[in-house]
């Protein structure tokens, strides 16, 4: 019986200690709310990350957090994420991603596959394309009181656009 108690205590301590190993502060993460992707040439794409900008939020804004964006030139989503880390010390977090927009009117099936394979990206993320280039499409972002991703998803929810989700497109 004494042996059982010792094993039980060791098990409890192991479980309690394991829960703290991957803890991250909110300040150490960039919450990507919208993403733009535009093919430049055969090898390179522009990736525009629109992330929650807590520095621009007003103290009385509640859950209305504006966004800022950053653009990187890369050959894949993985490459873009790596380049992000070179510029920003914050870890990318795709858990709040609402919308992915492909610029210049072309969706890229290779990148859609990468998005599907990214564990943090939900299959309910909207996937759109625009005839505009990304800089024109994201121009409105700086004037919005909420994140660009939240703004776009609210517009889409009104139009019953379930067929525009990543999970439905990739089937």
N, C-alpha and C. Protein backbone atom coordinates (compact mmCIF):
# COMPACT_ATOMS: atom_id res chain seq x y z
N UNK A 1 0.82 -1.19 0.00
CA UNK A 1 0.00 0.00 0.00
C UNK A 1 0.87 1.26 0.00
N UNK A 2 2.00 1.20 0.72
CA UNK A 2 2.90 2.34 0.79
C UNK A 2 3.51 2.64 -0.59
N UNK A 3 3.81 1.55 -1.31
CA UNK A 3 4.36 1.69 -2.66
C UNK A 3 3.35 2.40 -3.58
N UNK A 4 2.09 2.06 -3.46
CA UNK A 4 1.02 2.68 -4.26
C UNK A 4 0.95 4.18 -3.99
N UNK A 5 1.05 4.59 -2.73
CA UNK A 5 0.98 6.01 -2.37
C UNK A 5 2.15 6.77 -2.97
N UNK A 6 3.33 6.18 -2.96
CA UNK A 6 4.51 6.84 -3.53
C UNK A 6 4.33 7.04 -5.04
N UNK A 7 3.87 5.99 -5.73
CA UNK A 7 3.62 6.11 -7.18
C UNK A 7 2.54 7.15 -7.47
N UNK A 8 1.52 7.18 -6.65
CA UNK A 8 0.43 8.13 -6.83
C UNK A 8 0.94 9.57 -6.68
N UNK A 9 1.76 9.82 -5.68
CA UNK A 9 2.33 11.16 -5.46
C UNK A 9 3.22 11.55 -6.63
N UNK A 10 4.03 10.63 -7.10
CA UNK A 10 4.91 10.91 -8.26
C UNK A 10 4.08 11.22 -9.49
N UNK A 11 3.01 10.47 -9.71
CA UNK A 11 2.13 10.72 -10.85
C UNK A 11 1.51 12.11 -10.77
N UNK A 12 0.99 12.48 -9.63
CA UNK A 12 0.37 13.80 -9.45
C UNK A 12 1.38 14.91 -9.68
N UNK A 13 2.57 14.79 -9.14
CA UNK A 13 3.61 15.80 -9.33
C UNK A 13 4.01 15.93 -10.79
N UNK A 14 4.09 14.81 -11.47
CA UNK A 14 4.43 14.82 -12.89
C UNK A 14 3.37 15.56 -13.70
N UNK A 15 2.12 15.28 -13.43
CA UNK A 15 1.01 15.93 -14.15
C UNK A 15 1.00 17.42 -13.87
N UNK A 16 1.19 17.81 -12.65
CA UNK A 16 1.18 19.23 -12.29
C UNK A 16 2.36 19.98 -12.90
N UNK A 17 3.52 19.39 -12.91
CA UNK A 17 4.71 20.03 -13.47
C UNK A 17 4.63 20.13 -14.99
N UNK A 18 4.04 19.16 -15.65
CA UNK A 18 3.97 19.15 -17.11
C UNK A 18 3.06 20.25 -17.64
N UNK A 19 2.09 20.68 -16.92
CA UNK A 19 1.14 21.70 -17.38
C UNK A 19 1.74 23.07 -17.53
N UNK A 20 2.87 23.33 -16.94
CA UNK A 20 3.45 24.67 -16.93
C UNK A 20 4.55 24.87 -17.97
N UNK A 21 4.94 23.84 -18.68
CA UNK A 21 6.11 23.93 -19.53
C UNK A 21 5.93 24.79 -20.78
N UNK A 22 4.76 24.84 -21.38
CA UNK A 22 4.55 25.58 -22.63
C UNK A 22 3.80 26.88 -22.43
N UNK A 23 3.79 27.42 -21.23
CA UNK A 23 3.04 28.63 -20.94
C UNK A 23 3.65 29.82 -21.65
N UNK A 24 2.80 30.65 -22.30
CA UNK A 24 3.27 31.85 -22.97
C UNK A 24 2.40 33.02 -22.57
N UNK A 25 3.01 34.18 -22.45
CA UNK A 25 2.26 35.38 -22.16
C UNK A 25 1.63 35.91 -23.44
N UNK A 26 0.53 36.62 -23.29
CA UNK A 26 -0.18 37.21 -24.43
C UNK A 26 0.74 38.18 -25.17
N UNK A 27 1.56 38.90 -24.43
CA UNK A 27 2.46 39.88 -25.04
C UNK A 27 3.51 39.25 -25.95
N UNK A 28 3.73 37.94 -25.78
CA UNK A 28 4.74 37.25 -26.57
C UNK A 28 4.18 36.67 -27.86
N UNK A 29 2.91 36.95 -28.16
CA UNK A 29 2.27 36.38 -29.34
C UNK A 29 1.67 37.47 -30.22
N UNK A 30 1.63 37.21 -31.50
CA UNK A 30 0.91 38.05 -32.46
C UNK A 30 -0.26 37.23 -32.97
N UNK A 31 -1.46 37.73 -32.70
CA UNK A 31 -2.69 37.02 -33.09
C UNK A 31 -3.09 37.46 -34.49
N UNK A 32 -2.86 36.59 -35.46
CA UNK A 32 -3.17 36.89 -36.86
C UNK A 32 -4.68 36.77 -37.05
N UNK A 33 -5.30 37.85 -37.52
CA UNK A 33 -6.75 37.90 -37.69
C UNK A 33 -7.15 37.77 -39.16
N UNK A 34 -6.30 38.25 -40.04
CA UNK A 34 -6.53 38.15 -41.48
C UNK A 34 -5.17 37.97 -42.15
N UNK A 35 -5.21 37.38 -43.31
CA UNK A 35 -3.97 37.14 -44.03
C UNK A 35 -4.20 37.35 -45.52
N UNK A 36 -3.27 38.01 -46.17
CA UNK A 36 -3.33 38.20 -47.60
C UNK A 36 -2.18 37.49 -48.27
N UNK A 37 -2.45 36.90 -49.42
CA UNK A 37 -1.41 36.17 -50.16
C UNK A 37 -1.54 36.56 -51.63
N UNK A 38 -0.41 36.91 -52.22
CA UNK A 38 -0.42 37.34 -53.61
C UNK A 38 0.83 36.83 -54.31
N UNK A 39 0.65 36.15 -55.43
CA UNK A 39 1.79 35.62 -56.19
C UNK A 39 2.44 36.78 -56.95
N UNK A 40 3.77 36.88 -56.79
CA UNK A 40 4.55 37.91 -57.48
C UNK A 40 5.15 37.34 -58.76
N UNK A 41 5.75 36.16 -58.65
CA UNK A 41 6.29 35.45 -59.81
C UNK A 41 6.22 33.96 -59.52
N UNK A 42 6.87 33.16 -60.35
CA UNK A 42 6.78 31.71 -60.21
C UNK A 42 7.26 31.20 -58.85
N UNK A 43 8.28 31.86 -58.28
CA UNK A 43 8.85 31.38 -57.02
C UNK A 43 8.41 32.16 -55.79
N UNK A 44 8.01 33.40 -55.92
CA UNK A 44 7.79 34.26 -54.76
C UNK A 44 6.34 34.72 -54.61
N UNK A 45 5.95 34.84 -53.34
CA UNK A 45 4.63 35.34 -52.98
C UNK A 45 4.78 36.42 -51.91
N UNK A 46 3.81 37.32 -51.87
CA UNK A 46 3.71 38.27 -50.77
C UNK A 46 2.74 37.70 -49.76
N UNK A 47 3.13 37.67 -48.50
CA UNK A 47 2.25 37.25 -47.41
C UNK A 47 2.03 38.48 -46.54
N UNK A 48 0.79 38.84 -46.35
CA UNK A 48 0.47 39.98 -45.49
C UNK A 48 -0.25 39.47 -44.26
N UNK A 49 0.37 39.67 -43.11
CA UNK A 49 -0.20 39.26 -41.83
C UNK A 49 -0.89 40.47 -41.20
N UNK A 50 -2.18 40.38 -40.96
CA UNK A 50 -2.92 41.41 -40.25
C UNK A 50 -3.16 40.88 -38.84
N UNK A 51 -2.54 41.51 -37.86
CA UNK A 51 -2.56 40.99 -36.50
C UNK A 51 -3.14 42.02 -35.53
N UNK A 52 -3.68 41.51 -34.44
CA UNK A 52 -4.26 42.38 -33.41
C UNK A 52 -3.18 43.29 -32.85
N UNK A 53 -3.46 44.59 -32.85
CA UNK A 53 -2.48 45.57 -32.37
C UNK A 53 -2.97 46.13 -31.04
N UNK A 54 -2.55 45.50 -29.95
CA UNK A 54 -2.99 45.90 -28.62
C UNK A 54 -2.47 47.28 -28.24
N UNK A 55 -1.39 47.73 -28.87
CA UNK A 55 -0.85 49.06 -28.58
C UNK A 55 -1.80 50.16 -29.09
N UNK A 56 -2.53 49.90 -30.17
CA UNK A 56 -3.46 50.88 -30.73
C UNK A 56 -4.82 50.85 -30.05
N UNK A 57 -5.09 49.82 -29.26
CA UNK A 57 -6.40 49.69 -28.60
C UNK A 57 -6.54 50.74 -27.51
N UNK A 58 -7.74 51.28 -27.41
CA UNK A 58 -8.02 52.24 -26.35
C UNK A 58 -8.49 51.48 -25.12
N UNK A 59 -8.28 52.04 -23.96
CA UNK A 59 -8.61 51.34 -22.72
C UNK A 59 -10.09 51.01 -22.59
N UNK A 60 -10.96 51.77 -23.22
CA UNK A 60 -12.40 51.52 -23.12
C UNK A 60 -12.94 50.75 -24.33
N UNK A 61 -12.06 50.16 -25.13
CA UNK A 61 -12.51 49.51 -26.37
C UNK A 61 -13.11 48.13 -26.15
N UNK A 62 -12.92 47.53 -24.99
CA UNK A 62 -13.47 46.20 -24.72
C UNK A 62 -12.84 45.17 -25.62
N UNK A 63 -13.64 44.49 -26.42
CA UNK A 63 -13.11 43.46 -27.31
C UNK A 63 -12.81 44.00 -28.71
N UNK A 64 -13.00 45.27 -28.93
CA UNK A 64 -12.71 45.86 -30.24
C UNK A 64 -11.25 46.25 -30.31
N UNK A 65 -10.46 45.37 -30.89
CA UNK A 65 -9.02 45.59 -31.00
C UNK A 65 -8.69 45.88 -32.46
N UNK A 66 -8.08 47.03 -32.76
CA UNK A 66 -7.68 47.31 -34.14
C UNK A 66 -6.52 46.41 -34.56
N UNK A 67 -6.17 46.47 -35.83
CA UNK A 67 -5.07 45.63 -36.31
C UNK A 67 -4.05 46.44 -37.09
N UNK A 68 -2.89 45.87 -37.21
CA UNK A 68 -1.81 46.39 -38.05
C UNK A 68 -1.38 45.23 -38.94
N UNK A 69 -0.63 45.54 -39.97
CA UNK A 69 -0.16 44.44 -40.81
C UNK A 69 1.29 44.60 -41.20
N UNK A 70 1.83 43.47 -41.58
CA UNK A 70 3.22 43.39 -42.01
C UNK A 70 3.26 42.45 -43.22
N UNK A 71 4.05 42.80 -44.21
CA UNK A 71 4.16 42.01 -45.42
C UNK A 71 5.56 41.44 -45.55
N UNK A 72 5.63 40.16 -45.93
CA UNK A 72 6.93 39.53 -46.18
C UNK A 72 6.90 38.85 -47.55
N UNK A 73 8.05 38.80 -48.17
CA UNK A 73 8.22 38.12 -49.46
C UNK A 73 8.80 36.74 -49.16
N UNK A 74 8.12 35.69 -49.63
CA UNK A 74 8.56 34.33 -49.30
C UNK A 74 8.13 33.37 -50.40
N UNK A 75 8.64 32.13 -50.30
CA UNK A 75 8.30 31.11 -51.30
C UNK A 75 7.20 30.17 -50.83
N UNK A 76 6.88 30.18 -49.53
CA UNK A 76 5.84 29.31 -48.98
C UNK A 76 5.37 29.89 -47.65
N UNK A 77 4.31 29.31 -47.12
CA UNK A 77 3.80 29.75 -45.82
C UNK A 77 4.85 29.51 -44.73
N UNK A 78 5.48 28.37 -44.78
CA UNK A 78 6.53 28.04 -43.80
C UNK A 78 7.67 29.05 -43.87
N UNK A 79 8.08 29.39 -45.08
CA UNK A 79 9.14 30.38 -45.28
C UNK A 79 8.70 31.76 -44.77
N UNK A 80 7.45 32.12 -45.03
CA UNK A 80 6.93 33.41 -44.57
C UNK A 80 6.91 33.47 -43.05
N UNK A 81 6.49 32.39 -42.40
CA UNK A 81 6.46 32.35 -40.95
C UNK A 81 7.87 32.48 -40.36
N UNK A 82 8.84 31.87 -41.04
CA UNK A 82 10.23 31.96 -40.59
C UNK A 82 10.74 33.40 -40.73
N UNK A 83 10.39 34.05 -41.83
CA UNK A 83 10.81 35.45 -42.04
C UNK A 83 10.14 36.38 -41.04
N UNK A 84 8.89 36.08 -40.66
CA UNK A 84 8.20 36.86 -39.64
C UNK A 84 9.05 36.89 -38.37
N UNK A 85 9.57 35.72 -37.98
CA UNK A 85 10.34 35.60 -36.74
C UNK A 85 11.63 36.43 -36.80
N UNK A 86 12.14 36.70 -38.00
CA UNK A 86 13.34 37.52 -38.13
C UNK A 86 13.03 38.98 -37.82
N UNK A 87 11.79 39.43 -38.08
CA UNK A 87 11.41 40.82 -37.88
C UNK A 87 10.74 41.07 -36.53
N UNK A 88 9.96 40.11 -36.08
CA UNK A 88 9.19 40.27 -34.84
C UNK A 88 9.62 39.22 -33.82
N UNK A 89 9.70 39.62 -32.58
CA UNK A 89 10.06 38.67 -31.54
C UNK A 89 8.85 37.84 -31.09
N UNK A 90 7.66 38.27 -31.47
CA UNK A 90 6.45 37.58 -31.04
C UNK A 90 6.18 36.33 -31.88
N UNK A 91 5.65 35.32 -31.22
CA UNK A 91 5.27 34.06 -31.87
C UNK A 91 3.96 34.26 -32.64
N UNK A 92 3.89 33.77 -33.87
CA UNK A 92 2.64 33.84 -34.63
C UNK A 92 1.61 32.91 -34.02
N UNK A 93 0.37 33.39 -33.92
CA UNK A 93 -0.73 32.59 -33.40
C UNK A 93 -1.88 32.71 -34.40
N UNK A 94 -2.20 31.60 -35.07
CA UNK A 94 -3.26 31.59 -36.07
C UNK A 94 -4.61 31.15 -35.50
N UNK A 95 -4.71 31.01 -34.20
CA UNK A 95 -5.93 30.53 -33.57
C UNK A 95 -7.13 31.44 -33.73
N UNK A 96 -6.89 32.72 -34.06
CA UNK A 96 -7.98 33.68 -34.24
C UNK A 96 -8.13 34.13 -35.69
N UNK A 97 -7.46 33.46 -36.60
CA UNK A 97 -7.53 33.81 -38.01
C UNK A 97 -8.95 33.68 -38.52
N UNK A 98 -9.44 34.71 -39.17
CA UNK A 98 -10.82 34.73 -39.68
C UNK A 98 -10.88 34.59 -41.20
N UNK A 99 -9.96 35.26 -41.90
CA UNK A 99 -10.05 35.37 -43.36
C UNK A 99 -8.67 35.29 -44.00
N UNK A 100 -8.60 34.57 -45.12
CA UNK A 100 -7.41 34.56 -45.97
C UNK A 100 -7.86 35.11 -47.32
N UNK A 101 -7.14 36.10 -47.83
CA UNK A 101 -7.50 36.75 -49.09
C UNK A 101 -6.36 36.56 -50.09
N UNK A 102 -6.69 36.07 -51.27
CA UNK A 102 -5.72 35.94 -52.35
C UNK A 102 -5.87 37.15 -53.27
N UNK A 103 -4.77 37.86 -53.49
CA UNK A 103 -4.78 39.05 -54.33
C UNK A 103 -4.65 38.74 -55.80
N UNK A 104 -4.94 39.74 -56.61
CA UNK A 104 -4.86 39.68 -58.08
C UNK A 104 -5.76 38.60 -58.68
N UNK A 105 -6.82 38.24 -57.99
CA UNK A 105 -7.84 37.34 -58.55
C UNK A 105 -7.46 35.89 -58.69
N UNK A 106 -6.38 35.43 -58.03
CA UNK A 106 -5.94 34.05 -58.21
C UNK A 106 -5.71 33.36 -56.87
N UNK A 107 -6.44 32.26 -56.65
CA UNK A 107 -6.17 31.41 -55.49
C UNK A 107 -5.04 30.47 -55.85
N UNK A 108 -4.20 30.16 -54.90
CA UNK A 108 -3.05 29.31 -55.12
C UNK A 108 -3.29 27.98 -54.41
N UNK A 109 -3.48 26.89 -55.15
CA UNK A 109 -3.81 25.60 -54.55
C UNK A 109 -2.69 25.05 -53.67
N UNK A 110 -1.46 25.33 -54.01
CA UNK A 110 -0.33 24.88 -53.18
C UNK A 110 -0.38 25.54 -51.80
N UNK A 111 -0.68 26.82 -51.78
CA UNK A 111 -0.76 27.56 -50.51
C UNK A 111 -2.01 27.13 -49.73
N UNK A 112 -3.11 26.87 -50.43
CA UNK A 112 -4.31 26.38 -49.74
C UNK A 112 -4.00 25.07 -49.03
N UNK A 113 -3.24 24.19 -49.67
CA UNK A 113 -2.84 22.93 -49.04
C UNK A 113 -1.99 23.21 -47.79
N UNK A 114 -1.08 24.17 -47.88
CA UNK A 114 -0.26 24.53 -46.72
C UNK A 114 -1.12 25.08 -45.58
N UNK A 115 -2.13 25.86 -45.92
CA UNK A 115 -3.04 26.40 -44.90
C UNK A 115 -3.80 25.28 -44.21
N UNK A 116 -4.27 24.32 -44.99
CA UNK A 116 -4.99 23.17 -44.44
C UNK A 116 -4.09 22.36 -43.51
N UNK A 117 -2.83 22.22 -43.89
CA UNK A 117 -1.88 21.42 -43.10
C UNK A 117 -1.40 22.14 -41.83
N UNK A 118 -1.59 23.44 -41.75
CA UNK A 118 -1.17 24.20 -40.56
C UNK A 118 -2.15 23.90 -39.42
N UNK A 119 -1.66 23.29 -38.37
CA UNK A 119 -2.51 22.81 -37.26
C UNK A 119 -3.31 23.91 -36.58
N UNK A 120 -2.77 25.12 -36.50
CA UNK A 120 -3.45 26.21 -35.81
C UNK A 120 -4.59 26.83 -36.62
N UNK A 121 -4.61 26.61 -37.93
CA UNK A 121 -5.61 27.27 -38.78
C UNK A 121 -6.86 26.40 -38.87
N UNK A 122 -7.99 26.98 -38.47
CA UNK A 122 -9.27 26.27 -38.49
C UNK A 122 -9.78 26.11 -39.92
N UNK A 123 -10.51 25.06 -40.14
CA UNK A 123 -11.11 24.80 -41.46
C UNK A 123 -12.27 25.75 -41.74
N UNK A 124 -12.71 26.49 -40.72
CA UNK A 124 -13.82 27.44 -40.88
C UNK A 124 -13.35 28.83 -41.31
N UNK A 125 -12.05 29.00 -41.55
CA UNK A 125 -11.51 30.28 -42.01
C UNK A 125 -12.03 30.55 -43.42
N UNK A 126 -12.49 31.77 -43.65
CA UNK A 126 -12.96 32.15 -44.98
C UNK A 126 -11.78 32.32 -45.93
N UNK A 127 -11.95 31.88 -47.17
CA UNK A 127 -10.93 32.04 -48.21
C UNK A 127 -11.56 32.83 -49.35
N UNK A 128 -10.99 33.99 -49.64
CA UNK A 128 -11.53 34.88 -50.66
C UNK A 128 -10.46 35.19 -51.70
N UNK A 129 -10.92 35.75 -52.80
CA UNK A 129 -9.97 36.30 -53.76
C UNK A 129 -10.50 37.66 -54.17
N UNK A 130 -9.58 38.54 -54.51
CA UNK A 130 -9.93 39.87 -54.96
C UNK A 130 -9.13 40.19 -56.21
N UNK A 131 -9.69 40.98 -57.07
CA UNK A 131 -8.97 41.41 -58.28
C UNK A 131 -7.91 42.46 -57.93
N UNK A 132 -8.06 43.09 -56.78
CA UNK A 132 -7.11 44.10 -56.34
C UNK A 132 -5.81 43.46 -55.86
N UNK A 133 -4.76 44.26 -55.79
CA UNK A 133 -3.55 43.76 -55.14
C UNK A 133 -3.72 43.95 -53.63
N UNK A 134 -2.88 43.32 -52.86
CA UNK A 134 -3.05 43.31 -51.40
C UNK A 134 -3.00 44.69 -50.78
N UNK A 135 -2.11 45.55 -51.26
CA UNK A 135 -2.01 46.88 -50.65
C UNK A 135 -3.31 47.66 -50.82
N UNK A 136 -3.96 47.55 -51.97
CA UNK A 136 -5.25 48.22 -52.17
C UNK A 136 -6.34 47.60 -51.30
N UNK A 137 -6.34 46.28 -51.23
CA UNK A 137 -7.38 45.58 -50.47
C UNK A 137 -7.29 45.88 -48.97
N UNK A 138 -6.08 45.95 -48.44
CA UNK A 138 -5.89 46.17 -47.01
C UNK A 138 -5.84 47.66 -46.63
N UNK A 139 -6.04 48.54 -47.58
CA UNK A 139 -5.94 49.99 -47.34
C UNK A 139 -6.88 50.46 -46.23
N UNK A 140 -8.05 49.87 -46.14
CA UNK A 140 -9.07 50.28 -45.17
C UNK A 140 -8.68 49.92 -43.72
N UNK A 141 -7.76 48.99 -43.56
CA UNK A 141 -7.42 48.45 -42.24
C UNK A 141 -7.09 49.52 -41.20
N UNK A 142 -6.29 50.50 -41.57
CA UNK A 142 -5.82 51.49 -40.59
C UNK A 142 -6.94 52.40 -40.09
N UNK A 143 -8.05 52.46 -40.79
CA UNK A 143 -9.16 53.33 -40.39
C UNK A 143 -10.22 52.62 -39.55
N UNK A 144 -10.09 51.31 -39.40
CA UNK A 144 -11.12 50.54 -38.69
C UNK A 144 -10.90 50.50 -37.19
N UNK A 145 -11.99 50.55 -36.41
CA UNK A 145 -11.86 50.44 -34.95
C UNK A 145 -11.72 48.99 -34.47
N UNK A 146 -11.97 48.03 -35.36
CA UNK A 146 -11.82 46.61 -35.04
C UNK A 146 -10.79 46.02 -36.00
N UNK A 147 -10.38 44.79 -35.73
CA UNK A 147 -9.39 44.17 -36.60
C UNK A 147 -9.96 43.96 -38.00
N UNK A 148 -9.08 43.97 -38.98
CA UNK A 148 -9.50 43.78 -40.36
C UNK A 148 -10.14 42.42 -40.56
N UNK A 149 -9.62 41.39 -39.89
CA UNK A 149 -10.20 40.05 -39.99
C UNK A 149 -11.60 40.00 -39.43
N UNK A 150 -11.83 40.66 -38.31
CA UNK A 150 -13.17 40.71 -37.70
C UNK A 150 -14.13 41.47 -38.62
N UNK A 151 -13.67 42.57 -39.18
CA UNK A 151 -14.47 43.37 -40.11
C UNK A 151 -14.91 42.53 -41.32
N UNK A 152 -13.96 41.83 -41.93
CA UNK A 152 -14.29 41.02 -43.11
C UNK A 152 -15.22 39.86 -42.77
N UNK A 153 -14.97 39.19 -41.66
CA UNK A 153 -15.80 38.04 -41.30
C UNK A 153 -17.23 38.46 -40.98
N UNK A 154 -17.42 39.63 -40.38
CA UNK A 154 -18.78 40.13 -40.12
C UNK A 154 -19.51 40.37 -41.43
N UNK A 155 -18.82 40.92 -42.41
CA UNK A 155 -19.43 41.15 -43.73
C UNK A 155 -19.82 39.83 -44.38
N UNK A 156 -18.99 38.81 -44.23
CA UNK A 156 -19.25 37.51 -44.85
C UNK A 156 -20.38 36.76 -44.15
N UNK A 157 -20.47 36.86 -42.83
CA UNK A 157 -21.51 36.16 -42.09
C UNK A 157 -22.90 36.64 -42.50
N UNK A 158 -22.99 37.90 -42.86
CA UNK A 158 -24.27 38.45 -43.31
C UNK A 158 -24.71 37.79 -44.61
N UNK A 159 -23.78 37.44 -45.46
CA UNK A 159 -24.09 36.90 -46.79
C UNK A 159 -24.20 35.37 -46.83
N UNK A 160 -24.17 34.69 -45.68
CA UNK A 160 -24.28 33.23 -45.64
C UNK A 160 -23.29 32.58 -46.60
N UNK A 161 -22.04 32.73 -46.31
CA UNK A 161 -20.97 32.31 -47.22
C UNK A 161 -20.21 31.08 -46.72
N UNK A 162 -20.93 30.06 -46.28
CA UNK A 162 -20.30 28.85 -45.76
C UNK A 162 -19.43 28.15 -46.81
N UNK A 163 -19.77 28.27 -48.07
CA UNK A 163 -19.01 27.60 -49.12
C UNK A 163 -17.65 28.24 -49.38
N UNK A 164 -17.36 29.33 -48.70
CA UNK A 164 -16.09 30.01 -48.87
C UNK A 164 -15.07 29.64 -47.80
N UNK A 165 -15.34 28.62 -47.03
CA UNK A 165 -14.42 28.25 -45.95
C UNK A 165 -13.31 27.32 -46.45
N UNK A 166 -12.20 27.33 -45.74
CA UNK A 166 -11.04 26.55 -46.11
C UNK A 166 -11.38 25.06 -46.22
N UNK A 167 -12.15 24.56 -45.28
CA UNK A 167 -12.54 23.14 -45.30
C UNK A 167 -13.36 22.78 -46.51
N UNK A 168 -14.25 23.64 -46.95
CA UNK A 168 -15.10 23.35 -48.12
C UNK A 168 -14.33 23.50 -49.43
N UNK A 169 -13.44 24.46 -49.48
CA UNK A 169 -12.67 24.70 -50.70
C UNK A 169 -11.70 23.56 -50.96
N UNK A 170 -11.10 23.03 -49.90
CA UNK A 170 -10.05 22.04 -50.08
C UNK A 170 -10.57 20.63 -50.35
N UNK A 171 -11.79 20.35 -50.10
CA UNK A 171 -12.34 18.99 -50.28
C UNK A 171 -11.95 18.32 -51.54
